[in-house]
């Protein structure tokens, strides 16, 4: 077999940053129970106006879920 060539650049370990979420704990609840306030507002908006007009509330709910430790 031939030799393989690595295309990955070599970087010193001290220069690699840990991901922001690495220090966060696992979620303390199930996804269905997280962020009930933003979920309720998002769902009501989608029912009344459609998904296209509720992008701000959808993003707020996604951010809340991320803050709770979910990978969204």
PDB file of N, CA and C in Angstrom:
ATOM      1  N   UNK A   1       0.827  -1.177   0.000  1.00  0.00           N
ATOM      2  CA  UNK A   1       0.000   0.000   0.000  1.00  0.00           C
ATOM      3  C   UNK A   1       0.878   1.249   0.000  1.00  0.00           C
ATOM      4  N   UNK A   2       0.354   2.330  -0.548  1.00  0.00           N
ATOM      5  CA  UNK A   2       1.099   3.576  -0.603  1.00  0.00           C
ATOM      6  C   UNK A   2       1.001   4.339   0.699  1.00  0.00           C
ATOM      7  N   UNK A   3       1.832   5.315   0.825  1.00  0.00           N
ATOM      8  CA  UNK A   3       1.797   6.140   2.014  1.00  0.00           C
ATOM      9  C   UNK A   3       0.693   7.179   1.874  1.00  0.00           C
ATOM     10  N   UNK A   4      -0.009   7.430   2.960  1.00  0.00           N
ATOM     11  CA  UNK A   4      -1.054   8.457   2.916  1.00  0.00           C
ATOM     12  C   UNK A   4      -0.470   9.784   3.387  1.00  0.00           C
ATOM     13  N   UNK A   5      -0.973  10.840   2.839  1.00  0.00           N
ATOM     14  CA  UNK A   5      -0.504  12.179   3.181  1.00  0.00           C
ATOM     15  C   UNK A   5      -1.628  12.888   3.929  1.00  0.00           C
ATOM     16  N   UNK A   6      -1.303  13.430   5.053  1.00  0.00           N
ATOM     17  CA  UNK A   6      -2.295  14.149   5.835  1.00  0.00           C
ATOM     18  C   UNK A   6      -2.423  15.582   5.315  1.00  0.00           C
ATOM     19  N   UNK A   7      -3.640  16.003   5.061  1.00  0.00           N
ATOM     20  CA  UNK A   7      -3.883  17.363   4.602  1.00  0.00           C
ATOM     21  C   UNK A   7      -4.204  18.303   5.757  1.00  0.00           C
ATOM     22  N   UNK A   8      -4.249  17.758   6.959  1.00  0.00           N
ATOM     23  CA  UNK A   8      -4.554  18.568   8.135  1.00  0.00           C
ATOM     24  C   UNK A   8      -3.307  19.329   8.564  1.00  0.00           C
ATOM     25  N   UNK A   9      -3.426  20.631   8.785  1.00  0.00           N
ATOM     26  CA  UNK A   9      -2.268  21.381   9.256  1.00  0.00           C
ATOM     27  C   UNK A   9      -1.914  20.987  10.684  1.00  0.00           C
ATOM     28  N   UNK A  10      -0.639  21.010  10.966  1.00  0.00           N
ATOM     29  CA  UNK A  10      -0.205  20.688  12.317  1.00  0.00           C
ATOM     30  C   UNK A  10      -0.254  21.959  13.153  1.00  0.00           C
ATOM     31  N   UNK A  11      -0.951  21.865  14.284  1.00  0.00           N
ATOM     32  CA  UNK A  11      -1.141  23.018  15.156  1.00  0.00           C
ATOM     33  C   UNK A  11      -0.733  22.615  16.560  1.00  0.00           C
ATOM     34  N   UNK A  12      -0.007  23.463  17.218  1.00  0.00           N
ATOM     35  CA  UNK A  12       0.379  23.200  18.598  1.00  0.00           C
ATOM     36  C   UNK A  12      -0.858  23.142  19.476  1.00  0.00           C
ATOM     37  N   UNK A  13      -0.880  22.229  20.427  1.00  0.00           N
ATOM     38  CA  UNK A  13      -2.045  22.042  21.282  1.00  0.00           C
ATOM     39  C   UNK A  13      -2.406  23.305  22.052  1.00  0.00           C
ATOM     40  N   UNK A  14      -1.442  24.120  22.375  1.00  0.00           N
ATOM     41  CA  UNK A  14      -1.713  25.314  23.163  1.00  0.00           C
ATOM     42  C   UNK A  14      -2.460  26.380  22.362  1.00  0.00           C
ATOM     43  N   UNK A  15      -2.452  26.262  21.030  1.00  0.00           N
ATOM     44  CA  UNK A  15      -3.126  27.275  20.226  1.00  0.00           C
ATOM     45  C   UNK A  15      -4.557  26.877  19.872  1.00  0.00           C
ATOM     46  N   UNK A  16      -4.940  25.644  20.186  1.00  0.00           N
ATOM     47  CA  UNK A  16      -6.290  25.179  19.872  1.00  0.00           C
ATOM     48  C   UNK A  16      -7.206  25.525  21.035  1.00  0.00           C
ATOM     49  N   UNK A  17      -8.297  26.215  20.717  1.00  0.00           N
ATOM     50  CA  UNK A  17      -9.241  26.592  21.764  1.00  0.00           C
ATOM     51  C   UNK A  17     -10.285  25.509  21.940  1.00  0.00           C
ATOM     52  N   UNK A  18     -10.721  25.316  23.161  1.00  0.00           N
ATOM     53  CA  UNK A  18     -11.802  24.379  23.432  1.00  0.00           C
ATOM     54  C   UNK A  18     -13.116  25.008  22.998  1.00  0.00           C
ATOM     55  N   UNK A  19     -14.057  24.212  22.536  1.00  0.00           N
ATOM     56  CA  UNK A  19     -15.357  24.760  22.171  1.00  0.00           C
ATOM     57  C   UNK A  19     -16.027  25.435  23.355  1.00  0.00           C
ATOM     58  N   UNK A  20     -16.850  26.447  23.076  1.00  0.00           N
ATOM     59  CA  UNK A  20     -17.513  27.179  24.149  1.00  0.00           C
ATOM     60  C   UNK A  20     -18.385  26.262  24.996  1.00  0.00           C
ATOM     61  N   UNK A  21     -19.021  25.288  24.383  1.00  0.00           N
ATOM     62  CA  UNK A  21     -19.949  24.420  25.092  1.00  0.00           C
ATOM     63  C   UNK A  21     -19.258  23.309  25.871  1.00  0.00           C
ATOM     64  N   UNK A  22     -17.944  23.198  25.769  1.00  0.00           N
ATOM     65  CA  UNK A  22     -17.236  22.112  26.422  1.00  0.00           C
ATOM     66  C   UNK A  22     -17.393  22.172  27.939  1.00  0.00           C
ATOM     67  N   UNK A  23     -17.451  23.358  28.494  1.00  0.00           N
ATOM     68  CA  UNK A  23     -17.563  23.501  29.941  1.00  0.00           C
ATOM     69  C   UNK A  23     -19.003  23.338  30.424  1.00  0.00           C
ATOM     70  N   UNK A  24     -19.967  23.411  29.515  1.00  0.00           N
ATOM     71  CA  UNK A  24     -21.373  23.309  29.905  1.00  0.00           C
ATOM     72  C   UNK A  24     -21.711  21.869  30.250  1.00  0.00           C
ATOM     73  N   UNK A  25     -22.649  21.725  31.175  1.00  0.00           N
ATOM     74  CA  UNK A  25     -23.113  20.408  31.560  1.00  0.00           C
ATOM     75  C   UNK A  25     -24.164  19.927  30.581  1.00  0.00           C
ATOM     76  N   UNK A  26     -24.514  18.656  30.704  1.00  0.00           N
ATOM     77  CA  UNK A  26     -25.589  18.114  29.897  1.00  0.00           C
ATOM     78  C   UNK A  26     -26.891  18.780  30.324  1.00  0.00           C
ATOM     79  N   UNK A  27     -27.867  18.836  29.422  1.00  0.00           N
ATOM     80  CA  UNK A  27     -29.162  19.430  29.783  1.00  0.00           C
ATOM     81  C   UNK A  27     -29.759  18.739  30.995  1.00  0.00           C
ATOM     82  N   UNK A  28     -30.413  19.521  31.847  1.00  0.00           N
ATOM     83  CA  UNK A  28     -30.991  18.976  33.074  1.00  0.00           C
ATOM     84  C   UNK A  28     -32.431  18.523  32.876  1.00  0.00           C
ATOM     85  N   UNK A  29     -32.986  18.771  31.690  1.00  0.00           N
ATOM     86  CA  UNK A  29     -34.344  18.332  31.409  1.00  0.00           C
ATOM     87  C   UNK A  29     -34.415  17.873  29.960  1.00  0.00           C
ATOM     88  N   UNK A  30     -35.546  17.295  29.607  1.00  0.00           N
ATOM     89  CA  UNK A  30     -35.745  16.870  28.224  1.00  0.00           C
ATOM     90  C   UNK A  30     -36.026  18.087  27.362  1.00  0.00           C
ATOM     91  N   UNK A  31     -35.757  17.970  26.070  1.00  0.00           N
ATOM     92  CA  UNK A  31     -35.954  19.088  25.139  1.00  0.00           C
ATOM     93  C   UNK A  31     -37.403  19.572  25.142  1.00  0.00           C
ATOM     94  N   UNK A  32     -38.343  18.654  25.320  1.00  0.00           N
ATOM     95  CA  UNK A  32     -39.753  19.044  25.291  1.00  0.00           C
ATOM     96  C   UNK A  32     -40.142  19.925  26.479  1.00  0.00           C
ATOM     97  N   UNK A  33     -39.357  19.897  27.554  1.00  0.00           N
ATOM     98  CA  UNK A  33     -39.682  20.655  28.766  1.00  0.00           C
ATOM     99  C   UNK A  33     -38.839  21.927  28.922  1.00  0.00           C
ATOM    100  N   UNK A  34     -37.861  22.099  28.058  1.00  0.00           N
ATOM    101  CA  UNK A  34     -36.953  23.244  28.171  1.00  0.00           C
ATOM    102  C   UNK A  34     -37.583  24.489  27.563  1.00  0.00           C
ATOM    103  N   UNK A  35     -37.301  25.630  28.128  1.00  0.00           N
ATOM    104  CA  UNK A  35     -37.691  26.943  27.594  1.00  0.00           C
ATOM    105  C   UNK A  35     -39.194  27.056  27.308  1.00  0.00           C
ATOM    106  N   UNK A  36     -40.044  26.812  28.281  1.00  0.00           N
ATOM    107  CA  UNK A  36     -41.487  26.836  28.003  1.00  0.00           C
ATOM    108  C   UNK A  36     -42.010  28.203  27.572  1.00  0.00           C
ATOM    109  N   UNK A  37     -41.394  29.291  28.051  1.00  0.00           N
ATOM    110  CA  UNK A  37     -41.881  30.627  27.693  1.00  0.00           C
ATOM    111  C   UNK A  37     -41.644  30.921  26.214  1.00  0.00           C
ATOM    112  N   UNK A  38     -40.417  30.666  25.753  1.00  0.00           N
ATOM    113  CA  UNK A  38     -40.117  30.950  24.353  1.00  0.00           C
ATOM    114  C   UNK A  38     -40.813  29.949  23.434  1.00  0.00           C
ATOM    115  N   UNK A  39     -40.988  28.739  23.917  1.00  0.00           N
ATOM    116  CA  UNK A  39     -41.676  27.721  23.119  1.00  0.00           C
ATOM    117  C   UNK A  39     -43.139  28.101  22.911  1.00  0.00           C
ATOM    118  N   UNK A  40     -43.786  28.548  23.966  1.00  0.00           N
ATOM    119  CA  UNK A  40     -45.196  28.927  23.879  1.00  0.00           C
ATOM    120  C   UNK A  40     -45.382  30.111  22.921  1.00  0.00           C
ATOM    121  N   UNK A  41     -44.531  31.119  23.052  1.00  0.00           N
ATOM    122  CA  UNK A  41     -44.621  32.299  22.176  1.00  0.00           C
ATOM    123  C   UNK A  41     -44.341  31.919  20.726  1.00  0.00           C
ATOM    124  N   UNK A  42     -43.346  31.090  20.513  1.00  0.00           N
ATOM    125  CA  UNK A  42     -43.000  30.639  19.159  1.00  0.00           C
ATOM    126  C   UNK A  42     -44.144  29.860  18.532  1.00  0.00           C
ATOM    127  N   UNK A  43     -44.702  28.911  19.279  1.00  0.00           N
ATOM    128  CA  UNK A  43     -45.776  28.081  18.744  1.00  0.00           C
ATOM    129  C   UNK A  43     -47.026  28.891  18.437  1.00  0.00           C
ATOM    130  N   UNK A  44     -47.370  29.836  19.324  1.00  0.00           N
ATOM    131  CA  UNK A  44     -48.553  30.682  19.094  1.00  0.00           C
ATOM    132  C   UNK A  44     -48.362  31.537  17.841  1.00  0.00           C
ATOM    133  N   UNK A  45     -47.175  32.080  17.661  1.00  0.00           N
ATOM    134  CA  UNK A  45     -46.892  32.903  16.489  1.00  0.00           C
ATOM    135  C   UNK A  45     -47.007  32.084  15.209  1.00  0.00           C
ATOM    136  N   UNK A  46     -46.451  30.880  15.226  1.00  0.00           N
ATOM    137  CA  UNK A  46     -46.502  30.031  14.040  1.00  0.00           C
ATOM    138  C   UNK A  46     -47.943  29.660  13.706  1.00  0.00           C
ATOM    139  N   UNK A  47     -48.740  29.368  14.701  1.00  0.00           N
ATOM    140  CA  UNK A  47     -50.145  29.012  14.469  1.00  0.00           C
ATOM    141  C   UNK A  47     -50.930  30.193  13.907  1.00  0.00           C
ATOM    142  N   UNK A  48     -50.650  31.382  14.397  1.00  0.00           N
ATOM    143  CA  UNK A  48     -51.404  32.567  13.985  1.00  0.00           C
ATOM    144  C   UNK A  48     -50.904  33.181  12.679  1.00  0.00           C
ATOM    145  N   UNK A  49     -49.586  33.167  12.465  1.00  0.00           N
ATOM    146  CA  UNK A  49     -49.003  33.935  11.363  1.00  0.00           C
ATOM    147  C   UNK A  49     -48.193  33.118  10.364  1.00  0.00           C
ATOM    148  N   UNK A  50     -47.879  31.881  10.677  1.00  0.00           N
ATOM    149  CA  UNK A  50     -47.041  31.063   9.802  1.00  0.00           C
ATOM    150  C   UNK A  50     -45.575  31.199  10.169  1.00  0.00           C
ATOM    151  N   UNK A  51     -44.825  30.167   9.847  1.00  0.00           N
ATOM    152  CA  UNK A  51     -43.412  30.090  10.228  1.00  0.00           C
ATOM    153  C   UNK A  51     -42.577  31.231   9.649  1.00  0.00           C
ATOM    154  N   UNK A  52     -42.904  31.661   8.440  1.00  0.00           N
ATOM    155  CA  UNK A  52     -42.109  32.695   7.761  1.00  0.00           C
ATOM    156  C   UNK A  52     -42.085  34.018   8.519  1.00  0.00           C
ATOM    157  N   UNK A  53     -43.151  34.320   9.250  1.00  0.00           N
ATOM    158  CA  UNK A  53     -43.243  35.612   9.936  1.00  0.00           C
ATOM    159  C   UNK A  53     -42.812  35.536  11.405  1.00  0.00           C
ATOM    160  N   UNK A  54     -42.297  34.413  11.821  1.00  0.00           N
ATOM    161  CA  UNK A  54     -41.958  34.233  13.235  1.00  0.00           C
ATOM    162  C   UNK A  54     -40.480  33.902  13.449  1.00  0.00           C
ATOM    163  N   UNK A  55     -39.640  34.266  12.513  1.00  0.00           N
ATOM    164  CA  UNK A  55     -38.228  33.884  12.585  1.00  0.00           C
ATOM    165  C   UNK A  55     -37.537  34.419  13.839  1.00  0.00           C
ATOM    166  N   UNK A  56     -37.925  35.611  14.293  1.00  0.00           N
ATOM    167  CA  UNK A  56     -37.293  36.173  15.499  1.00  0.00           C
ATOM    168  C   UNK A  56     -37.605  35.321  16.731  1.00  0.00           C
ATOM    169  N   UNK A  57     -38.852  34.909  16.878  1.00  0.00           N
ATOM    170  CA  UNK A  57     -39.227  34.076  18.023  1.00  0.00           C
ATOM    171  C   UNK A  57     -38.613  32.680  17.912  1.00  0.00           C
ATOM    172  N   UNK A  58     -38.508  32.171  16.706  1.00  0.00           N
ATOM    173  CA  UNK A  58     -37.880  30.867  16.503  1.00  0.00           C
ATOM    174  C   UNK A  58     -36.417  30.933  16.912  1.00  0.00           C
ATOM    175  N   UNK A  59     -35.720  31.990  16.518  1.00  0.00           N
ATOM    176  CA  UNK A  59     -34.306  32.143  16.888  1.00  0.00           C
ATOM    177  C   UNK A  59     -34.132  32.332  18.388  1.00  0.00           C
ATOM    178  N   UNK A  60     -35.036  33.069  19.027  1.00  0.00           N
ATOM    179  CA  UNK A  60     -34.960  33.242  20.489  1.00  0.00           C
ATOM    180  C   UNK A  60     -35.104  31.899  21.186  1.00  0.00           C
ATOM    181  N   UNK A  61     -36.028  31.065  20.698  1.00  0.00           N
ATOM    182  CA  UNK A  61     -36.215  29.744  21.303  1.00  0.00           C
ATOM    183  C   UNK A  61     -34.985  28.862  21.077  1.00  0.00           C
ATOM    184  N   UNK A  62     -34.412  28.906  19.883  1.00  0.00           N
ATOM    185  CA  UNK A  62     -33.197  28.140  19.612  1.00  0.00           C
ATOM    186  C   UNK A  62     -32.070  28.566  20.540  1.00  0.00           C
ATOM    187  N   UNK A  63     -31.920  29.871  20.752  1.00  0.00           N
ATOM    188  CA  UNK A  63     -30.859  30.365  21.631  1.00  0.00           C
ATOM    189  C   UNK A  63     -31.094  29.919  23.065  1.00  0.00           C
ATOM    190  N   UNK A  64     -32.343  29.954  23.502  1.00  0.00           N
ATOM    191  CA  UNK A  64     -32.673  29.479  24.847  1.00  0.00           C
ATOM    192  C   UNK A  64     -32.297  28.011  24.993  1.00  0.00           C
ATOM    193  N   UNK A  65     -32.605  27.219  23.969  1.00  0.00           N
ATOM    194  CA  UNK A  65     -32.270  25.794  24.015  1.00  0.00           C
ATOM    195  C   UNK A  65     -30.753  25.588  24.073  1.00  0.00           C
ATOM    196  N   UNK A  66     -30.022  26.367  23.303  1.00  0.00           N
ATOM    197  CA  UNK A  66     -28.549  26.281  23.350  1.00  0.00           C
ATOM    198  C   UNK A  66     -28.032  26.644  24.742  1.00  0.00           C
ATOM    199  N   UNK A  67     -28.614  27.694  25.319  1.00  0.00           N
ATOM    200  CA  UNK A  67     -28.194  28.138  26.644  1.00  0.00           C
ATOM    201  C   UNK A  67     -28.469  27.065  27.711  1.00  0.00           C
ATOM    202  N   UNK A  68     -29.484  26.232  27.453  1.00  0.00           N
ATOM    203  CA  UNK A  68     -29.827  25.149  28.388  1.00  0.00           C
ATOM    204  C   UNK A  68     -28.936  23.920  28.179  1.00  0.00           C
ATOM    205  N   UNK A  69     -28.082  23.957  27.141  1.00  0.00           N
ATOM    206  CA  UNK A  69     -27.150  22.866  26.913  1.00  0.00           C
ATOM    207  C   UNK A  69     -27.511  21.955  25.755  1.00  0.00           C
ATOM    208  N   UNK A  70     -28.553  22.278  25.011  1.00  0.00           N
ATOM    209  CA  UNK A  70     -28.933  21.452  23.869  1.00  0.00           C
ATOM    210  C   UNK A  70     -28.145  21.882  22.643  1.00  0.00           C
ATOM    211  N   UNK A  71     -27.806  20.926  21.799  1.00  0.00           N
ATOM    212  CA  UNK A  71     -27.038  21.197  20.579  1.00  0.00           C
ATOM    213  C   UNK A  71     -28.024  21.423  19.440  1.00  0.00           C
ATOM    214  N   UNK A  72     -28.450  22.659  19.266  1.00  0.00           N
ATOM    215  CA  UNK A  72     -29.443  23.013  18.245  1.00  0.00           C
ATOM    216  C   UNK A  72     -28.742  23.785  17.144  1.00  0.00           C
TER     217      UNK A  72
END
